């Protein structure tokens, strides 16, 4: 009975959020259109980046991003529609801002020369490299979306333990972008960018009341 009352009370939000969910999907696909070389490509590799080792085992962490994003979005869409709205707008904003940067300031990350057949982890990295061009690196959407996912769990006090666990996971995601040579250190700016975007909409939608 309470479930039906909750759904009835929030049906307008569910309608709005359904539209936002569709927009998340389509704005995320802009990445595929911009992930190529332009007339001016920048390489942000530094001597410090060259010291970062290649650790193919981090592919497991790296590939966990999408499932965790989907679980988080579905959870807040279903149970906390008022929180989902600013979260969705944050995702859309992050995709739009990042892809704008990719268009006006395209970057390239040199990758290690690896071949298929060495072991399971290397094979998975080879598959990653073949499916994702080495462009659209600054800011890193892997870092940004992981930071968004971890941020939203802090809104509700009762999810604080989950929030800390997801934060550890987000840090590992960021590390995975480095150890897999998908990004350079400068690209990590995607994480604070995403947190900043979320904080803006956190205040706009007055999510303090959800604490």
C-alpha atoms as a PDB file:
ATOM      1  CA  UNK A   1       0.000   0.000   0.000  1.00  0.00           C
ATOM      2  CA  UNK A   2       2.783   2.425   0.934  1.00  0.00           C
ATOM      3  CA  UNK A   3       4.557   1.598  -2.326  1.00  0.00           C
ATOM      4  CA  UNK A   4       1.513   2.615  -4.366  1.00  0.00           C
ATOM      5  CA  UNK A   5       1.170   5.810  -2.346  1.00  0.00           C
ATOM      6  CA  UNK A   6       4.843   6.595  -2.974  1.00  0.00           C
ATOM      7  CA  UNK A   7       4.476   5.965  -6.708  1.00  0.00           C
ATOM      8  CA  UNK A   8       1.332   8.067  -6.895  1.00  0.00           C
ATOM      9  CA  UNK A   9       2.961  10.907  -4.987  1.00  0.00           C
ATOM     10  CA  UNK A  10       6.043  10.932  -7.226  1.00  0.00           C
ATOM     11  CA  UNK A  11       4.602   9.998 -10.627  1.00  0.00           C
ATOM     12  CA  UNK A  12       5.485  13.403 -12.111  1.00  0.00           C
ATOM     13  CA  UNK A  13       9.084  12.976 -11.010  1.00  0.00           C
ATOM     14  CA  UNK A  14       9.171   9.498 -12.534  1.00  0.00           C
ATOM     15  CA  UNK A  15       7.982  10.938 -15.846  1.00  0.00           C
ATOM     16  CA  UNK A  16      10.617  13.671 -15.768  1.00  0.00           C
ATOM     17  CA  UNK A  17      13.298  11.214 -14.716  1.00  0.00           C
ATOM     18  CA  UNK A  18      12.360   8.843 -17.525  1.00  0.00           C
ATOM     19  CA  UNK A  19      13.103  11.623 -20.004  1.00  0.00           C
ATOM     20  CA  UNK A  20      16.362  12.392 -18.200  1.00  0.00           C
ATOM     21  CA  UNK A  21      17.344   8.716 -18.287  1.00  0.00           C
ATOM     22  CA  UNK A  22      16.930   8.717 -22.064  1.00  0.00           C
ATOM     23  CA  UNK A  23      19.026  11.894 -22.276  1.00  0.00           C
ATOM     24  CA  UNK A  24      21.770  10.266 -20.202  1.00  0.00           C
ATOM     25  CA  UNK A  25      21.937   7.468 -22.745  1.00  0.00           C
ATOM     26  CA  UNK A  26      22.044   9.714 -25.806  1.00  0.00           C
ATOM     27  CA  UNK A  27      24.495  12.252 -24.401  1.00  0.00           C
ATOM     28  CA  UNK A  28      26.801   9.387 -23.422  1.00  0.00           C
ATOM     29  CA  UNK A  29      26.829   8.307 -27.079  1.00  0.00           C
ATOM     30  CA  UNK A  30      28.294  11.654 -28.181  1.00  0.00           C
ATOM     31  CA  UNK A  31      31.602  10.146 -27.040  1.00  0.00           C
ATOM     32  CA  UNK A  32      31.565   7.786 -30.023  1.00  0.00           C
ATOM     33  CA  UNK A  33      31.214  10.717 -32.418  1.00  0.00           C
ATOM     34  CA  UNK A  34      34.115  12.708 -30.968  1.00  0.00           C
ATOM     35  CA  UNK A  35      36.546   9.835 -30.296  1.00  0.00           C
ATOM     36  CA  UNK A  36      38.890  10.446 -33.232  1.00  0.00           C
ATOM     37  CA  UNK A  37      41.851  12.565 -34.242  1.00  0.00           C
ATOM     38  CA  UNK A  38      41.299  16.190 -35.200  1.00  0.00           C
ATOM     39  CA  UNK A  39      43.552  18.682 -36.957  1.00  0.00           C
ATOM     40  CA  UNK A  40      45.230  19.476 -33.642  1.00  0.00           C
ATOM     41  CA  UNK A  41      45.790  16.676 -31.119  1.00  0.00           C
ATOM     42  CA  UNK A  42      47.541  17.285 -27.802  1.00  0.00           C
ATOM     43  CA  UNK A  43      49.652  14.804 -25.831  1.00  0.00           C
ATOM     44  CA  UNK A  44      49.683  15.551 -22.094  1.00  0.00           C
ATOM     45  CA  UNK A  45      52.195  12.837 -21.218  1.00  0.00           C
ATOM     46  CA  UNK A  46      54.746  13.915 -18.595  1.00  0.00           C
ATOM     47  CA  UNK A  47      57.904  12.275 -17.204  1.00  0.00           C
ATOM     48  CA  UNK A  48      55.863  11.312 -14.142  1.00  0.00           C
ATOM     49  CA  UNK A  49      53.384   9.431 -16.335  1.00  0.00           C
ATOM     50  CA  UNK A  50      56.252   7.364 -17.716  1.00  0.00           C
ATOM     51  CA  UNK A  51      56.963   6.101 -14.199  1.00  0.00           C
ATOM     52  CA  UNK A  52      53.452   4.649 -13.843  1.00  0.00           C
ATOM     53  CA  UNK A  53      53.632   0.884 -14.477  1.00  0.00           C
ATOM     54  CA  UNK A  54      51.360  -1.037 -16.802  1.00  0.00           C
ATOM     55  CA  UNK A  55      49.268  -3.441 -14.661  1.00  0.00           C
ATOM     56  CA  UNK A  56      46.777  -5.357 -16.858  1.00  0.00           C
ATOM     57  CA  UNK A  57      45.018  -6.913 -13.854  1.00  0.00           C
ATOM     58  CA  UNK A  58      43.315  -3.566 -13.282  1.00  0.00           C
ATOM     59  CA  UNK A  59      41.125  -4.299 -16.311  1.00  0.00           C
ATOM     60  CA  UNK A  60      38.740  -6.066 -13.921  1.00  0.00           C
ATOM     61  CA  UNK A  61      38.249  -2.861 -11.943  1.00  0.00           C
ATOM     62  CA  UNK A  62      38.109  -0.742 -15.092  1.00  0.00           C
ATOM     63  CA  UNK A  63      35.346  -2.863 -16.617  1.00  0.00           C
ATOM     64  CA  UNK A  64      33.249  -2.677 -13.447  1.00  0.00           C
ATOM     65  CA  UNK A  65      32.339   0.963 -14.121  1.00  0.00           C
ATOM     66  CA  UNK A  66      29.261   0.475 -16.295  1.00  0.00           C
ATOM     67  CA  UNK A  67      27.559  -2.138 -14.065  1.00  0.00           C
ATOM     68  CA  UNK A  68      28.012   0.041 -10.979  1.00  0.00           C
ATOM     69  CA  UNK A  69      26.703   3.098 -12.844  1.00  0.00           C
ATOM     70  CA  UNK A  70      23.599   1.193 -14.000  1.00  0.00           C
ATOM     71  CA  UNK A  71      22.937  -0.207 -10.523  1.00  0.00           C
ATOM     72  CA  UNK A  72      23.277   3.243  -8.929  1.00  0.00           C
ATOM     73  CA  UNK A  73      21.079   4.973 -11.504  1.00  0.00           C
ATOM     74  CA  UNK A  74      18.403   2.290 -11.259  1.00  0.00           C
ATOM     75  CA  UNK A  75      18.445   2.354  -7.456  1.00  0.00           C
ATOM     76  CA  UNK A  76      18.006   6.116  -7.156  1.00  0.00           C
ATOM     77  CA  UNK A  77      15.527   6.239 -10.035  1.00  0.00           C
ATOM     78  CA  UNK A  78      13.335   3.698  -8.279  1.00  0.00           C
ATOM     79  CA  UNK A  79      13.683   4.577  -4.608  1.00  0.00           C
ATOM     80  CA  UNK A  80      14.846   8.205  -4.551  1.00  0.00           C
ATOM     81  CA  UNK A  81      13.441  10.013  -7.602  1.00  0.00           C
ATOM     82  CA  UNK A  82      14.106  13.427  -6.053  1.00  0.00           C
ATOM     83  CA  UNK A  83      17.814  12.595  -5.823  1.00  0.00           C
ATOM     84  CA  UNK A  84      17.877  10.972  -9.251  1.00  0.00           C
ATOM     85  CA  UNK A  85      16.892  14.235 -10.966  1.00  0.00           C
ATOM     86  CA  UNK A  86      20.037  16.241 -10.055  1.00  0.00           C
ATOM     87  CA  UNK A  87      22.146  13.101 -10.481  1.00  0.00           C
ATOM     88  CA  UNK A  88      20.847  12.650 -14.025  1.00  0.00           C
ATOM     89  CA  UNK A  89      21.370  16.321 -14.868  1.00  0.00           C
ATOM     90  CA  UNK A  90      24.911  16.006 -13.499  1.00  0.00           C
ATOM     91  CA  UNK A  91      25.622  13.041 -15.783  1.00  0.00           C
ATOM     92  CA  UNK A  92      24.211  14.883 -18.796  1.00  0.00           C
ATOM     93  CA  UNK A  93      26.196  18.027 -17.949  1.00  0.00           C
ATOM     94  CA  UNK A  94      29.399  16.022 -17.497  1.00  0.00           C
ATOM     95  CA  UNK A  95      28.958  14.348 -20.887  1.00  0.00           C
ATOM     96  CA  UNK A  96      28.234  17.656 -22.621  1.00  0.00           C
ATOM     97  CA  UNK A  97      31.116  19.552 -21.011  1.00  0.00           C
ATOM     98  CA  UNK A  98      33.596  16.717 -21.588  1.00  0.00           C
ATOM     99  CA  UNK A  99      32.658  16.249 -25.228  1.00  0.00           C
ATOM    100  CA  UNK A 100      32.892  19.987 -25.815  1.00  0.00           C
ATOM    101  CA  UNK A 101      36.483  19.810 -24.537  1.00  0.00           C
ATOM    102  CA  UNK A 102      37.154  16.810 -26.794  1.00  0.00           C
ATOM    103  CA  UNK A 103      36.059  18.869 -29.794  1.00  0.00           C
ATOM    104  CA  UNK A 104      38.099  21.989 -29.005  1.00  0.00           C
ATOM    105  CA  UNK A 105      41.055  20.338 -27.213  1.00  0.00           C
ATOM    106  CA  UNK A 106      41.456  16.758 -28.400  1.00  0.00           C
ATOM    107  CA  UNK A 107      44.088  14.687 -26.600  1.00  0.00           C
ATOM    108  CA  UNK A 108      45.890  11.431 -27.323  1.00  0.00           C
ATOM    109  CA  UNK A 109      47.450   8.900 -24.945  1.00  0.00           C
ATOM    110  CA  UNK A 110      50.277   6.662 -26.225  1.00  0.00           C
ATOM    111  CA  UNK A 111      49.586   3.018 -25.385  1.00  0.00           C
ATOM    112  CA  UNK A 112      51.999   0.147 -24.709  1.00  0.00           C
ATOM    113  CA  UNK A 113      52.629  -2.306 -27.507  1.00  0.00           C
ATOM    114  CA  UNK A 114      50.866  -5.465 -26.317  1.00  0.00           C
ATOM    115  CA  UNK A 115      49.625  -8.490 -28.234  1.00  0.00           C
ATOM    116  CA  UNK A 116      46.758 -10.893 -27.761  1.00  0.00           C
ATOM    117  CA  UNK A 117      47.569 -14.264 -26.206  1.00  0.00           C
ATOM    118  CA  UNK A 118      49.902 -13.343 -23.321  1.00  0.00           C
ATOM    119  CA  UNK A 119      47.332 -14.017 -20.578  1.00  0.00           C
ATOM    120  CA  UNK A 120      43.678 -13.354 -19.735  1.00  0.00           C
ATOM    121  CA  UNK A 121      44.225  -9.849 -18.367  1.00  0.00           C
ATOM    122  CA  UNK A 122      46.376  -8.695 -21.280  1.00  0.00           C
ATOM    123  CA  UNK A 123      43.823 -10.151 -23.691  1.00  0.00           C
ATOM    124  CA  UNK A 124      41.085  -8.086 -22.059  1.00  0.00           C
ATOM    125  CA  UNK A 125      43.199  -4.938 -22.351  1.00  0.00           C
ATOM    126  CA  UNK A 126      43.791  -5.686 -26.037  1.00  0.00           C
ATOM    127  CA  UNK A 127      40.005  -5.912 -26.473  1.00  0.00           C
ATOM    128  CA  UNK A 128      39.626  -2.591 -24.660  1.00  0.00           C
ATOM    129  CA  UNK A 129      42.203  -0.913 -26.894  1.00  0.00           C
ATOM    130  CA  UNK A 130      40.546  -2.270 -30.032  1.00  0.00           C
ATOM    131  CA  UNK A 131      37.112  -0.982 -28.990  1.00  0.00           C
ATOM    132  CA  UNK A 132      38.174   2.456 -27.728  1.00  0.00           C
ATOM    133  CA  UNK A 133      40.367   4.858 -29.683  1.00  0.00           C
ATOM    134  CA  UNK A 134      43.184   6.548 -27.709  1.00  0.00           C
ATOM    135  CA  UNK A 135      41.476   9.963 -27.899  1.00  0.00           C
ATOM    136  CA  UNK A 136      38.855  11.762 -25.737  1.00  0.00           C
ATOM    137  CA  UNK A 137      41.194  11.525 -22.769  1.00  0.00           C
ATOM    138  CA  UNK A 138      41.062  14.933 -21.052  1.00  0.00           C
ATOM    139  CA  UNK A 139      38.959  15.013 -18.927  1.00  0.00           C
ATOM    140  CA  UNK A 140      38.541  11.319 -18.205  1.00  0.00           C
ATOM    141  CA  UNK A 141      34.905  10.227 -18.247  1.00  0.00           C
ATOM    142  CA  UNK A 142      35.861   7.045 -16.424  1.00  0.00           C
ATOM    143  CA  UNK A 143      37.148   9.182 -13.546  1.00  0.00           C
ATOM    144  CA  UNK A 144      34.266  11.618 -13.791  1.00  0.00           C
ATOM    145  CA  UNK A 145      31.416   9.125 -13.833  1.00  0.00           C
ATOM    146  CA  UNK A 146      32.997   7.082 -11.030  1.00  0.00           C
ATOM    147  CA  UNK A 147      33.230  10.261  -8.935  1.00  0.00           C
ATOM    148  CA  UNK A 148      29.572  11.075  -9.668  1.00  0.00           C
ATOM    149  CA  UNK A 149      28.463   7.616  -8.598  1.00  0.00           C
ATOM    150  CA  UNK A 150      30.386   7.817  -5.331  1.00  0.00           C
ATOM    151  CA  UNK A 151      29.154  11.359  -4.611  1.00  0.00           C
ATOM    152  CA  UNK A 152      25.454  10.578  -4.824  1.00  0.00           C
ATOM    153  CA  UNK A 153      25.641   7.861  -2.177  1.00  0.00           C
ATOM    154  CA  UNK A 154      26.718  10.485   0.380  1.00  0.00           C
ATOM    155  CA  UNK A 155      23.424  12.370   0.046  1.00  0.00           C
ATOM    156  CA  UNK A 156      21.575  10.014   2.398  1.00  0.00           C
ATOM    157  CA  UNK A 157      23.124   9.467   5.806  1.00  0.00           C
ATOM    158  CA  UNK A 158      21.803   5.887   5.986  1.00  0.00           C
ATOM    159  CA  UNK A 159      23.926   4.960   2.953  1.00  0.00           C
ATOM    160  CA  UNK A 160      27.143   6.285   4.419  1.00  0.00           C
ATOM    161  CA  UNK A 161      28.844   2.852   4.617  1.00  0.00           C
ATOM    162  CA  UNK A 162      27.957   2.174   0.988  1.00  0.00           C
ATOM    163  CA  UNK A 163      29.243   5.645   0.115  1.00  0.00           C
ATOM    164  CA  UNK A 164      32.657   4.937   1.641  1.00  0.00           C
ATOM    165  CA  UNK A 165      32.885   1.561  -0.112  1.00  0.00           C
ATOM    166  CA  UNK A 166      31.903   3.103  -3.442  1.00  0.00           C
ATOM    167  CA  UNK A 167      34.473   5.857  -2.865  1.00  0.00           C
ATOM    168  CA  UNK A 168      37.215   3.235  -2.470  1.00  0.00           C
ATOM    169  CA  UNK A 169      35.964   1.637  -5.673  1.00  0.00           C
ATOM    170  CA  UNK A 170      36.025   5.043  -7.439  1.00  0.00           C
ATOM    171  CA  UNK A 171      39.645   5.556  -6.383  1.00  0.00           C
ATOM    172  CA  UNK A 172      40.488   2.138  -7.823  1.00  0.00           C
ATOM    173  CA  UNK A 173      38.711   3.106 -11.051  1.00  0.00           C
ATOM    174  CA  UNK A 174      40.889   6.219 -11.262  1.00  0.00           C
ATOM    175  CA  UNK A 175      44.004   4.139 -10.631  1.00  0.00           C
ATOM    176  CA  UNK A 176      42.914   1.667 -13.291  1.00  0.00           C
ATOM    177  CA  UNK A 177      42.855   4.428 -15.922  1.00  0.00           C
ATOM    178  CA  UNK A 178      46.523   5.032 -15.110  1.00  0.00           C
ATOM    179  CA  UNK A 179      47.756   1.453 -14.782  1.00  0.00           C
ATOM    180  CA  UNK A 180      46.047   0.423 -18.029  1.00  0.00           C
ATOM    181  CA  UNK A 181      47.572   3.418 -19.840  1.00  0.00           C
ATOM    182  CA  UNK A 182      44.138   4.613 -20.905  1.00  0.00           C
ATOM    183  CA  UNK A 183      44.795   8.049 -19.442  1.00  0.00           C
ATOM    184  CA  UNK A 184      47.593  10.239 -18.178  1.00  0.00           C
ATOM    185  CA  UNK A 185      47.649  11.916 -14.778  1.00  0.00           C
ATOM    186  CA  UNK A 186      46.240  15.209 -16.092  1.00  0.00           C
ATOM    187  CA  UNK A 187      43.084  13.415 -17.247  1.00  0.00           C
ATOM    188  CA  UNK A 188      42.109  12.686 -13.636  1.00  0.00           C
ATOM    189  CA  UNK A 189      40.698  16.225 -13.580  1.00  0.00           C
ATOM    190  CA  UNK A 190      37.484  14.539 -14.736  1.00  0.00           C
ATOM    191  CA  UNK A 191      36.848  13.478 -11.127  1.00  0.00           C
ATOM    192  CA  UNK A 192      36.882  16.927  -9.455  1.00  0.00           C
ATOM    193  CA  UNK A 193      35.013  18.316 -12.466  1.00  0.00           C
ATOM    194  CA  UNK A 194      32.212  15.803 -11.915  1.00  0.00           C
ATOM    195  CA  UNK A 195      32.100  16.429  -8.170  1.00  0.00           C
ATOM    196  CA  UNK A 196      31.895  20.166  -8.806  1.00  0.00           C
ATOM    197  CA  UNK A 197      29.011  19.698 -11.232  1.00  0.00           C
ATOM    198  CA  UNK A 198      27.165  17.497  -8.748  1.00  0.00           C
ATOM    199  CA  UNK A 199      27.662  20.000  -5.922  1.00  0.00           C
ATOM    200  CA  UNK A 200      26.112  22.721  -8.084  1.00  0.00           C
ATOM    201  CA  UNK A 201      22.949  20.694  -8.642  1.00  0.00           C
ATOM    202  CA  UNK A 202      23.036  19.435  -5.049  1.00  0.00           C
ATOM    203  CA  UNK A 203      22.566  23.046  -3.975  1.00  0.00           C
ATOM    204  CA  UNK A 204      20.142  23.951  -6.768  1.00  0.00           C
ATOM    205  CA  UNK A 205      17.831  21.073  -5.810  1.00  0.00           C
ATOM    206  CA  UNK A 206      18.417  21.591  -2.080  1.00  0.00           C
ATOM    207  CA  UNK A 207      19.396  17.987  -1.440  1.00  0.00           C
ATOM    208  CA  UNK A 208      20.344  18.855   2.133  1.00  0.00           C
ATOM    209  CA  UNK A 209      16.746  18.008   2.970  1.00  0.00           C
ATOM    210  CA  UNK A 210      17.413  14.421   1.882  1.00  0.00           C
ATOM    211  CA  UNK A 211      20.134  13.922   4.484  1.00  0.00           C
END
